[in-house]
Protein backbone atom coordinates (compact mmCIF):
# COMPACT_ATOMS: atom_id res chain seq x y z
CA MET A 1 90.12 95.34 96.30
CA ALA A 2 87.70 97.45 93.09
CA SER A 3 89.39 100.81 94.30
CA LEU A 4 93.07 99.47 93.16
CA ARG A 5 90.79 98.20 89.71
CA GLN A 6 89.56 101.95 89.46
CA ALA A 7 92.64 103.14 89.62
CA PRO A 8 94.59 104.49 86.66
CA THR A 9 97.32 102.89 85.65
CA ARG A 10 101.19 103.81 84.57
CA MET A 11 102.46 100.11 84.39
CA HIS A 12 101.46 97.41 81.97
CA LEU A 13 101.69 93.16 81.89
CA LEU A 14 102.80 91.14 79.04
CA ASP A 15 101.52 87.82 79.82
CA ASP A 16 103.17 84.82 78.26
CA LEU A 17 106.07 85.55 76.95
CA SER A 18 109.07 83.35 76.10
CA ALA A 19 112.14 83.18 76.69
CA ILE A 20 113.10 84.83 73.12
CA SER A 21 109.68 86.94 72.76
CA LEU A 22 111.43 88.48 76.05
CA VAL A 23 114.21 90.05 74.30
CA LYS A 24 111.60 92.12 71.54
CA PRO A 25 110.66 94.85 74.15
CA THR A 26 113.97 95.90 75.25
CA VAL A 27 115.74 96.13 71.90
CA ASP A 28 112.84 98.45 71.22
CA GLY A 29 114.06 100.02 74.07
CA LEU A 30 111.00 99.18 76.03
CA THR A 31 112.86 97.14 79.11
CA PRO A 32 110.79 95.69 81.57
CA CYS A 33 111.21 96.71 85.29
CA ALA A 34 110.81 93.62 86.18
CA VAL A 35 110.07 89.81 84.96
CA VAL A 36 108.24 86.60 87.01
CA GLU A 37 108.99 83.28 85.73
CA THR A 38 105.38 81.98 86.09
CA SER A 39 106.60 78.71 84.69
CA ALA A 40 109.53 77.22 83.28
CA GLY A 41 110.14 79.23 80.40
CA ASN A 42 107.18 81.28 80.65
CA PHE A 43 107.37 85.05 81.45
CA GLN A 44 105.27 87.83 82.62
CA ALA A 45 106.82 91.65 81.93
CA TRP A 46 106.32 94.79 83.66
CA LEU A 47 106.72 97.92 81.82
CA ARG A 48 106.84 101.21 84.04
CA HIS A 49 105.61 104.47 81.94
CA PRO A 50 106.15 108.02 82.81
CA ALA A 51 102.28 108.78 82.43
CA LEU A 52 98.97 107.48 83.97
CA PHE A 53 96.15 105.85 81.52
CA GLN A 54 92.58 105.92 81.99
CA LYS A 55 90.63 102.51 80.87
CA LEU A 56 90.43 103.31 77.48
CA ILE A 57 93.69 104.51 76.33
CA GLY A 58 95.10 102.08 79.31
CA THR A 59 93.86 98.85 77.19
CA PHE A 60 94.31 99.87 74.14
CA ALA A 61 97.66 100.40 74.82
CA ALA A 62 98.17 96.71 76.41
CA GLN A 63 96.77 95.28 73.46
CA THR A 64 99.58 97.40 71.20
CA LEU A 65 101.83 95.56 73.40
CA ALA A 66 100.62 92.34 73.32
CA ALA A 67 99.73 92.15 69.20
CA ARG A 68 103.53 93.88 68.97
CA TYR A 69 105.47 91.22 71.25
CA ASP A 70 103.66 87.76 70.98
CA ALA A 71 102.32 88.59 74.92
CA ASP A 72 98.46 86.83 75.80
CA PRO A 73 95.78 89.23 73.76
CA SER A 74 93.46 87.70 76.17
CA ALA A 75 94.71 89.06 79.27
CA ALA A 76 96.00 92.72 77.33
CA ASP A 77 93.57 95.53 79.41
CA TRP A 78 94.65 98.49 81.99
CA ARG A 79 93.99 96.18 84.84
CA ARG A 80 95.28 93.23 84.51
CA PHE A 81 97.47 91.34 88.06
CA GLY A 82 100.41 89.39 87.19
CA ARG A 83 100.12 86.24 89.11
CA LEU A 84 101.95 86.50 92.74
CA LEU A 85 106.00 85.82 93.89
CA GLY A 86 106.19 82.81 96.05
CA PHE A 87 103.03 81.81 95.16
CA THR A 88 102.56 78.33 93.04
CA ASN A 89 101.40 78.70 89.47
CA CYS A 90 98.38 75.59 90.01
CA LYS A 91 97.30 75.45 85.97
CA PRO A 92 97.10 71.65 85.26
CA LYS A 93 99.51 71.82 82.64
CA TYR A 94 102.12 73.04 84.70
CA LYS A 95 102.09 70.15 87.31
CA ARG A 96 105.91 68.37 87.19
CA PRO A 97 106.29 64.90 87.63
CA ASP A 98 106.99 64.71 90.95
CA GLY A 99 102.91 66.40 91.59
CA LEU A 100 103.47 69.36 92.28
CA PHE A 101 103.55 73.06 90.73
CA PRO A 102 105.97 75.31 90.22
CA PHE A 103 106.66 78.27 92.55
CA VAL A 104 106.45 81.87 91.05
CA GLN A 105 109.97 83.21 90.48
CA LEU A 106 111.10 87.07 90.17
CA ARG A 107 114.12 86.73 87.70
CA ILE A 108 115.09 90.53 86.76
CA HIS A 109 113.31 93.69 89.01
CA THR A 110 114.32 96.98 88.33
CA GLY A 111 111.51 99.05 89.29
CA GLU A 112 113.38 101.43 86.40
CA GLN A 113 111.16 103.02 83.66
CA CYS A 114 111.24 102.29 79.93
CA PRO A 115 114.09 104.04 78.58
CA MET A 116 112.10 104.73 74.95
CA ALA A 117 108.57 105.43 77.53
CA GLU A 118 108.38 109.03 76.52
CA ALA A 119 108.54 108.17 73.13
CA PHE A 120 105.99 104.56 73.51
CA VAL A 121 103.89 106.99 75.13
CA GLN A 122 103.79 109.74 72.75
CA GLU A 123 103.47 107.11 69.65
CA ILE A 124 100.53 105.46 72.15
CA THR A 125 98.55 108.86 72.55
CA LYS A 126 98.60 109.19 68.27
CA LEU A 127 97.29 105.56 67.32
CA TYR A 128 94.77 106.15 70.63
CA GLU A 129 93.93 109.55 68.81
CA ALA A 130 94.04 108.02 65.35
CA ARG A 131 91.67 105.33 65.37
CA GLU A 132 88.80 107.63 67.97
CA GLN A 133 88.93 110.09 64.91
CA GLU A 134 88.12 107.34 62.78
CA ARG A 135 85.50 105.77 64.86
CA GLU A 136 83.89 108.83 65.29
CA ALA A 137 83.81 109.51 61.68
CA ASP A 138 81.72 106.37 61.42
CA GLY A 139 79.73 107.03 64.18
CA CYS A 140 81.03 104.89 66.77
CA ARG A 141 81.25 105.45 70.04
CA LEU A 142 82.93 102.84 72.78
CA LEU A 143 81.19 101.98 76.66
CA PHE A 144 81.90 99.51 79.04
CA LEU A 145 79.03 98.51 80.73
CA PRO A 146 78.60 95.84 83.68
CA LYS A 147 79.49 91.82 82.80
CA GLY A 148 78.74 90.18 85.98
CA ASP A 149 81.15 89.67 88.53
CA ARG A 150 84.26 89.95 86.04
CA GLY A 151 83.77 93.75 85.99
CA TYR A 152 83.10 95.49 82.86
CA ARG A 153 83.25 94.89 79.08
CA LEU A 154 84.06 97.08 76.11
CA TYR A 155 81.49 97.16 73.62
CA HIS A 156 81.68 98.89 70.10
CA TRP A 157 78.05 100.98 69.01
CA ASN A 158 76.92 102.12 66.39
CA VAL A 159 75.10 104.99 66.80
CA SER A 160 74.39 106.22 63.72
CA ALA A 161 72.64 102.94 62.14
CA PRO A 162 68.48 103.99 62.76
CA PRO A 163 66.87 102.05 63.96
CA ALA A 164 64.96 99.37 61.81
CA ASN A 165 61.30 100.97 62.76
CA THR A 166 61.81 104.42 61.67
CA THR A 167 58.30 105.27 62.24
CA THR A 168 58.26 105.29 66.01
CA ALA A 169 61.31 105.71 68.42
CA PRO A 170 62.18 102.24 70.23
CA PRO A 171 61.28 102.23 74.08
CA LEU A 172 64.17 103.36 76.46
CA GLN A 173 66.43 100.25 77.48
CA THR A 174 67.40 100.48 81.15
CA SER A 175 68.84 97.27 80.62
CA PRO A 176 72.85 97.46 79.51
CA SER A 177 71.63 93.47 77.95
CA ALA A 178 69.22 94.78 76.28
CA LEU A 179 70.89 97.28 73.99
CA PRO A 180 71.89 97.16 70.14
CA LEU A 181 75.93 96.67 71.40
CA LEU A 182 78.45 94.52 69.83
CA PRO A 183 81.24 92.94 71.42
CA MET A 184 85.06 94.79 70.67
CA ALA A 185 86.93 91.95 67.87
CA TRP A 186 90.63 93.07 69.03
């Protein structure tokens, strides 16, 4: 399973969409190649692009899409999996009065790339490059560091800030948790 998560992706998941918010990407030319209903009136939409997005730009694209289309921002990253068709959504809040849970159902499937996919890739690439140039000017870097059994976490690290004691350099830290890093606020 780990090898699957390492691969770049040409798909993005918009999670936790309502029927109304599901229409917005289609109006913008980002028609989903698949739509899955995970519970009554709650959808996941998959968008297919022509380019392979690497980790950082893939996460940036997912977060941009989530913000733009009112999707769940906590499900916006480069390696997100969706709910599996034919299985049940066993979140307690979706338990029906009869005690059963709703089945995950495929509502739309074309497998086709978004009509405006090329324009989206160009837009995201420009936005990402502009953001990175701005961060470089600020002396900041992004790092992926291990975060237990939940994969990696993206950190924002200000490399231009001098250490508190400038007369002696701090000792080399071998533990990622000992590095002076701050979690990113998206």
